[in-house]
Amino acid sequence: MIPHYSQQQVRAALPYARLIPALRQAFTEDMIAPRRHAHTLSEADNSSLLLMPVWQSHGHLGVKLVTVAPHNTSLPSVHAIFVLFDTQTGAPLALMDGEELTLRRTAAASALASSFASRSDSQRLLLVGNGSLAPHIAVAHCHTRPVSHISIWGRSGDKSALTARMLREHAELPATVHIEVVSDLAAACSQADIISCVTTSKTPVVLGEHVKAGTHVDLVGGFRPDMREVDDALMHKATVYVDTYAGALAEAGDLTQTLTNGSLARSAIVAELAELCAGQHPGRTQATDISVFKSVGTAIEDLCAANLVWESLAANA
């Protein structure tokens, strides 16, 4: 019988202190990740089905199946499962909880990018959005930068309070980090060293006029061309990094829309994660730059995380 690794097992196998450096290594390795298949299930509900295959010539292959239903209330908006196979034989090895795997690998990728693109002295993190990914993003950033203060803003104050409580209870968050819920987004943006947006908004939430020089903006939520988290003014003055050119340039509205309207020059998109991790681009070189990291997700991250789960759990089976 094919083993199934639960949310709790995946979580235990993927602490950020282990996952972030593993991702850095994975982006320098030979992994083949075709562009994901994205299918709209319902225009009215903005729901989607994503299929994400990935493989190594010698090692493992896998595919993640993801459904996105933003209007869910009593259930999470994202459901996912990851299937791991042996590349040589094609034999299935394991089923894994894809939601926890996705949350952790996405947060780890943002933190990895921040280690190249944000200022090394960044202490104030602003979290924009209250979805299930938000606490993971905040905790992961604390593993690559000396974050001492986290502000949380969302359209619902009650949900922001819940996010704050989840953060305070998170085992991987340093106890010394101060956490607060804020209502003035513009003021919070002007004080932040890192702004991490985790929304599915179709209109800009963070505006360039409110973002100070030297800030790093982490755009995680939007994964379709019709989604936007920041405005043209911010993108116009930003140095931009992406998880992958192939994915971000095709799927990220913050890029596709601004490239089309001319507010973002293609030359401003300077590196993808593979180039940063391989030392082909140095990342941030000026303290006053406004940097943006735009991710839409890549199956490279999924397979890296799944391999860690397999190594941790199969060895003890």
Protein backbone atom coordinates (compact mmCIF):
# COMPACT_ATOMS: atom_id res chain seq x y z
CA MET A 1 0.00 0.00 0.00
CA ILE A 2 1.32 3.46 -0.89
CA PRO A 3 2.04 5.41 2.31
CA HIS A 4 0.26 8.69 2.94
CA TYR A 5 2.09 11.40 4.86
CA SER A 6 -0.25 13.67 6.78
CA GLN A 7 -0.18 17.40 7.36
CA GLN A 8 1.45 16.87 10.74
CA GLN A 9 4.12 14.56 9.31
CA VAL A 10 4.92 16.95 6.45
CA ARG A 11 5.15 19.86 8.90
CA ALA A 12 7.54 18.00 11.19
CA ALA A 13 9.77 17.04 8.25
CA LEU A 14 10.04 20.58 6.87
CA PRO A 15 11.28 23.02 9.52
CA TYR A 16 12.33 26.27 7.84
CA ALA A 17 15.87 25.96 9.14
CA ARG A 18 16.15 22.81 7.00
CA LEU A 19 13.91 23.69 4.06
CA ILE A 20 15.32 27.11 3.12
CA PRO A 21 18.92 25.92 2.58
CA ALA A 22 17.62 22.82 0.79
CA LEU A 23 15.70 25.05 -1.63
CA ARG A 24 18.82 27.10 -2.25
CA GLN A 25 20.61 23.92 -3.28
CA ALA A 26 17.68 22.62 -5.32
CA PHE A 27 17.64 25.70 -7.55
CA THR A 28 21.18 24.85 -8.67
CA GLU A 29 20.35 21.24 -9.56
CA ASP A 30 19.01 19.56 -12.68
CA MET A 31 15.27 19.49 -12.12
CA ILE A 32 12.81 19.66 -15.00
CA ALA A 33 9.62 21.54 -14.22
CA PRO A 34 7.38 22.23 -17.22
CA ARG A 35 5.05 25.19 -16.97
CA ARG A 36 2.10 24.21 -14.83
CA HIS A 37 -1.32 23.50 -16.26
CA ALA A 38 -3.91 26.00 -14.99
CA HIS A 39 -7.61 25.51 -15.61
CA THR A 40 -10.45 27.79 -14.60
CA LEU A 41 -13.21 25.83 -12.91
CA SER A 42 -15.59 28.74 -12.39
CA GLU A 43 -15.27 32.34 -13.54
CA ALA A 44 -17.95 33.42 -11.10
CA ASP A 45 -16.17 31.90 -8.10
CA ASN A 46 -12.64 32.56 -9.40
CA SER A 47 -11.83 28.89 -8.75
CA SER A 48 -8.99 27.00 -10.43
CA LEU A 49 -7.34 23.61 -10.90
CA LEU A 50 -3.54 23.50 -11.13
CA LEU A 51 -1.38 20.54 -12.23
CA MET A 52 2.34 20.82 -11.51
CA PRO A 53 4.71 18.08 -12.76
CA VAL A 54 8.44 17.93 -11.99
CA TRP A 55 11.21 15.33 -12.21
CA GLN A 56 14.90 14.56 -11.85
CA SER A 57 16.77 12.34 -14.30
CA HIS A 58 18.10 10.28 -11.41
CA GLY A 59 15.88 10.38 -8.37
CA HIS A 60 12.22 11.21 -8.08
CA LEU A 61 9.39 12.65 -10.09
CA GLY A 62 6.16 14.07 -8.79
CA VAL A 63 3.00 15.92 -9.59
CA LYS A 64 0.98 18.23 -7.39
CA LEU A 65 -2.77 18.56 -7.84
CA VAL A 66 -4.16 21.83 -6.49
CA THR A 67 -7.62 23.34 -6.29
CA VAL A 68 -8.11 27.02 -5.44
CA ALA A 69 -11.51 28.23 -4.22
CA PRO A 70 -11.09 31.81 -2.88
CA HIS A 71 -14.70 32.10 -1.73
CA ASN A 72 -14.49 29.22 0.74
CA THR A 73 -15.52 30.22 4.25
CA SER A 74 -15.51 27.15 6.50
CA LEU A 75 -12.79 25.40 4.47
CA PRO A 76 -9.32 26.53 3.35
CA SER A 77 -9.23 28.21 -0.06
CA VAL A 78 -6.48 25.86 -1.30
CA HIS A 79 -6.49 22.06 -1.27
CA ALA A 80 -3.63 20.00 -2.64
CA ILE A 81 -2.01 16.58 -2.76
CA PHE A 82 1.48 15.64 -3.95
CA VAL A 83 2.26 12.25 -5.51
CA LEU A 84 5.90 11.10 -5.42
CA PHE A 85 7.25 8.50 -7.88
CA ASP A 86 10.56 6.83 -8.60
CA THR A 87 11.82 8.32 -11.88
CA GLN A 88 13.53 5.19 -13.18
CA THR A 89 10.77 2.65 -12.50
CA GLY A 90 7.75 4.95 -12.48
CA ALA A 91 6.58 3.26 -9.29
CA PRO A 92 4.53 5.46 -6.94
CA LEU A 93 6.28 5.95 -3.60
CA ALA A 94 4.04 8.15 -1.49
CA LEU A 95 1.09 10.50 -1.26
CA MET A 96 1.68 13.66 0.76
CA ASP A 97 -0.49 16.40 2.14
CA GLY A 98 0.02 19.02 -0.55
CA GLU A 99 -1.42 21.94 1.41
CA GLU A 100 1.21 21.90 4.15
CA LEU A 101 3.92 21.17 1.59
CA THR A 102 2.77 24.14 -0.53
CA LEU A 103 2.50 26.53 2.39
CA ARG A 104 5.98 25.72 3.62
CA ARG A 105 7.80 25.63 0.30
CA THR A 106 6.14 28.92 -0.78
CA ALA A 107 7.12 30.66 2.43
CA ALA A 108 10.63 29.23 2.26
CA ALA A 109 11.04 30.51 -1.32
CA SER A 110 10.06 34.04 -0.23
CA ALA A 111 12.54 33.90 2.62
CA LEU A 112 15.23 32.56 0.29
CA ALA A 113 14.63 35.42 -2.15
CA SER A 114 14.71 37.91 0.71
CA SER A 115 18.15 36.65 1.69
CA PHE A 116 19.37 38.04 -1.66
CA ALA A 117 17.03 40.97 -2.29
CA SER A 118 16.22 42.61 1.06
CA ARG A 119 18.58 44.65 3.20
CA SER A 120 20.51 42.46 5.63
CA ASP A 121 19.45 44.69 8.54
CA SER A 122 15.70 44.42 7.80
CA GLN A 123 13.81 44.31 11.10
CA ARG A 124 10.24 45.45 10.41
CA LEU A 125 7.97 43.10 8.44
CA LEU A 126 4.51 44.07 7.24
CA LEU A 127 2.19 41.18 6.43
CA VAL A 128 -0.65 42.11 4.05
CA GLY A 129 -3.38 39.49 3.99
CA ASN A 130 -4.83 36.92 6.37
CA GLY A 131 -4.99 33.68 4.39
CA SER A 132 -3.56 30.38 5.58
CA LEU A 133 -0.19 31.21 3.98
CA ALA A 134 0.27 34.47 5.91
CA PRO A 135 1.68 33.08 9.19
CA HIS A 136 4.05 30.79 7.30
CA ILE A 137 5.42 33.71 5.28
CA ALA A 138 6.10 35.76 8.39
CA VAL A 139 7.84 32.92 10.23
CA ALA A 140 10.00 32.00 7.23
CA HIS A 141 11.22 35.59 6.80
CA CYS A 142 12.43 35.53 10.40
CA HIS A 143 14.84 32.76 9.43
CA THR A 144 16.76 34.85 6.89
CA ARG A 145 16.52 38.38 8.33
CA PRO A 146 16.68 39.76 11.91
CA VAL A 147 12.97 40.55 12.05
CA SER A 148 12.00 41.97 15.44
CA HIS A 149 8.60 43.48 14.62
CA ILE A 150 5.69 42.08 12.57
CA SER A 151 2.69 44.21 11.63
CA ILE A 152 -0.43 42.56 10.21
CA TRP A 153 -2.97 44.29 7.99
CA GLY A 154 -6.04 42.78 6.41
CA ARG A 155 -9.49 43.81 5.31
CA SER A 156 -10.94 42.00 8.33
CA GLY A 157 -9.69 43.05 11.74
CA ASP A 158 -10.98 39.81 13.26
CA LYS A 159 -9.01 37.73 10.77
CA SER A 160 -5.90 39.84 11.42
CA ALA A 161 -6.27 39.16 15.13
CA LEU A 162 -6.52 35.44 14.39
CA THR A 163 -3.37 35.60 12.25
CA ALA A 164 -1.57 37.39 15.09
CA ARG A 165 -2.63 34.69 17.55
CA MET A 166 -1.47 31.94 15.22
CA LEU A 167 1.88 33.65 14.88
CA ARG A 168 2.32 34.01 18.63
CA GLU A 169 1.69 30.30 19.01
CA HIS A 170 4.02 29.25 16.18
CA ALA A 171 6.84 27.07 17.46
CA GLU A 172 9.32 28.33 14.85
CA LEU A 173 8.84 32.07 15.53
CA PRO A 174 11.41 33.62 17.92
CA ALA A 175 9.69 34.59 21.17
CA THR A 176 11.28 38.04 21.07
CA VAL A 177 9.40 39.14 17.91
CA HIS A 178 6.76 41.80 18.60
CA ILE A 179 3.46 41.27 16.77
CA GLU A 180 0.72 43.85 16.23
CA VAL A 181 -2.41 44.31 14.13
CA VAL A 182 -2.58 47.63 12.25
CA SER A 183 -5.45 49.46 10.57
CA ASP A 184 -3.51 52.16 8.68
CA LEU A 185 -1.95 50.36 5.71
CA ALA A 186 -0.27 53.44 4.26
CA ALA A 187 1.51 54.23 7.53
CA ALA A 188 2.54 50.61 8.01
CA CYS A 189 3.98 50.49 4.48
CA SER A 190 6.04 53.62 5.12
CA GLN A 191 7.67 52.02 8.19
CA ALA A 192 8.30 48.52 6.85
CA ASP A 193 11.63 47.09 5.72
CA ILE A 194 9.90 44.07 4.15
CA ILE A 195 6.31 44.05 2.89
CA SER A 196 4.89 40.62 2.15
CA CYS A 197 1.59 40.54 0.24
CA VAL A 198 -0.44 37.35 0.47
CA THR A 199 -3.75 38.20 -1.21
CA THR A 200 -5.72 37.22 -4.30
CA SER A 201 -6.65 40.82 -5.06
CA LYS A 202 -7.37 41.95 -8.61
CA THR A 203 -6.67 45.60 -7.74
CA PRO A 204 -3.49 47.03 -6.16
CA VAL A 205 -3.40 46.92 -2.37
CA VAL A 206 0.08 48.40 -1.73
CA LEU A 207 0.84 51.70 -3.44
CA GLY A 208 4.26 52.93 -4.47
CA GLU A 209 3.79 56.35 -2.88
CA HIS A 210 3.68 54.70 0.56
CA VAL A 211 6.80 52.54 0.18
CA LYS A 212 10.10 53.99 1.38
CA ALA A 213 13.49 53.61 -0.30
CA GLY A 214 15.29 50.41 0.66
CA THR A 215 12.14 48.35 1.13
CA HIS A 216 11.81 44.80 -0.14
CA VAL A 217 8.32 43.87 -1.41
CA ASP A 218 7.44 40.18 -1.47
CA LEU A 219 4.49 39.44 -3.78
CA VAL A 220 3.11 35.98 -3.15
CA GLY A 221 -0.66 35.96 -3.53
CA GLY A 222 -1.37 36.73 -7.18
CA PHE A 223 -0.93 33.77 -9.50
CA ARG A 224 -2.97 34.83 -12.55
CA PRO A 225 -2.61 37.64 -15.10
CA ASP A 226 -5.75 39.38 -13.77
CA MET A 227 -4.41 39.62 -10.19
CA ARG A 228 -2.56 42.66 -8.81
CA GLU A 229 -1.15 43.38 -5.35
CA VAL A 230 0.87 46.56 -6.07
CA ASP A 231 0.37 49.53 -8.38
CA ASP A 232 2.20 50.74 -11.47
CA ALA A 233 4.08 53.40 -9.51
CA LEU A 234 5.76 50.82 -7.28
CA MET A 235 6.69 48.52 -10.14
CA HIS A 236 8.08 51.45 -12.13
CA LYS A 237 10.74 52.18 -9.52
CA ALA A 238 11.51 48.60 -8.48
CA THR A 239 14.31 46.17 -9.17
CA VAL A 240 12.46 42.91 -9.77
CA TYR A 241 13.36 39.29 -9.01
CA VAL A 242 11.17 36.27 -9.84
CA ASP A 243 11.00 32.64 -8.84
CA THR A 244 11.15 31.58 -12.51
CA TYR A 245 11.01 33.67 -15.66
CA ALA A 246 8.79 31.14 -17.40
CA GLY A 247 6.13 31.18 -14.71
CA ALA A 248 6.18 34.78 -13.53
CA LEU A 249 6.33 36.40 -16.95
CA ALA A 250 3.36 34.36 -18.14
CA GLU A 251 1.14 34.27 -15.05
CA ALA A 252 1.84 37.20 -12.71
CA GLY A 253 -0.46 40.16 -13.27
CA ASP A 254 1.88 42.47 -11.38
CA LEU A 255 4.37 41.80 -14.19
CA THR A 256 2.27 41.10 -17.26
CA GLN A 257 0.06 44.16 -16.81
CA THR A 258 2.91 46.56 -16.08
CA LEU A 259 5.08 45.23 -18.89
CA THR A 260 2.15 45.74 -21.26
CA ASN A 261 1.35 49.28 -20.14
CA GLY A 262 5.01 50.32 -20.06
CA SER A 263 5.34 51.13 -16.38
CA LEU A 264 7.78 48.23 -15.96
CA ALA A 265 10.74 47.74 -18.29
CA ARG A 266 11.81 44.18 -19.05
CA SER A 267 15.35 45.16 -18.09
CA ALA A 268 14.16 45.84 -14.53
CA ILE A 269 13.50 42.10 -14.08
CA VAL A 270 17.07 41.19 -13.25
CA ALA A 271 17.19 37.61 -11.98
CA GLU A 272 15.31 34.43 -11.18
CA LEU A 273 15.98 32.30 -8.12
CA ALA A 274 18.18 29.83 -10.00
CA GLU A 275 20.54 32.65 -10.99
CA LEU A 276 20.64 34.05 -7.47
CA CYS A 277 21.30 30.65 -5.91
CA ALA A 278 24.02 29.82 -8.45
CA GLY A 279 25.79 33.13 -7.82
CA GLN A 280 25.12 34.39 -11.34
CA HIS A 281 23.51 37.55 -9.95
CA PRO A 282 24.51 39.21 -6.66
CA GLY A 283 21.04 40.34 -5.62
CA ARG A 284 20.71 43.69 -3.87
CA THR A 285 23.71 46.00 -4.31
CA GLN A 286 22.21 49.35 -3.22
CA ALA A 287 20.73 49.99 0.21
CA THR A 288 18.21 52.47 -1.20
CA ASP A 289 16.79 50.20 -3.93
CA ILE A 290 13.16 49.15 -3.77
CA SER A 291 13.22 45.45 -4.59
CA VAL A 292 10.31 43.22 -5.58
CA PHE A 293 10.21 39.44 -5.55
CA LYS A 294 7.31 38.02 -7.54
CA SER A 295 6.52 34.34 -7.17
CA VAL A 296 3.80 32.24 -8.75
CA GLY A 297 5.21 28.93 -7.54
CA THR A 298 7.36 26.32 -9.22
CA ALA A 299 7.29 22.56 -8.94
CA ILE A 300 11.04 22.62 -8.24
CA GLU A 301 10.10 23.77 -4.75
CA ASP A 302 7.53 20.99 -4.42
CA LEU A 303 9.95 18.22 -5.34
CA CYS A 304 12.65 19.63 -3.07
CA ALA A 305 10.22 19.62 -0.14
CA ALA A 306 8.81 16.20 -1.03
CA ASN A 307 12.33 14.74 -1.16
CA LEU A 308 12.97 16.05 2.37
CA VAL A 309 9.73 14.48 3.60
CA TRP A 310 10.62 11.18 1.94
CA GLU A 311 14.13 11.21 3.42
CA SER A 312 12.80 11.93 6.89
CA LEU A 313 9.86 9.53 6.97
CA ALA A 314 10.72 6.64 4.64
CA ALA A 315 14.00 6.08 6.47
CA ASN A 316 12.09 5.62 9.73
CA ALA A 317 9.29 3.49 8.30
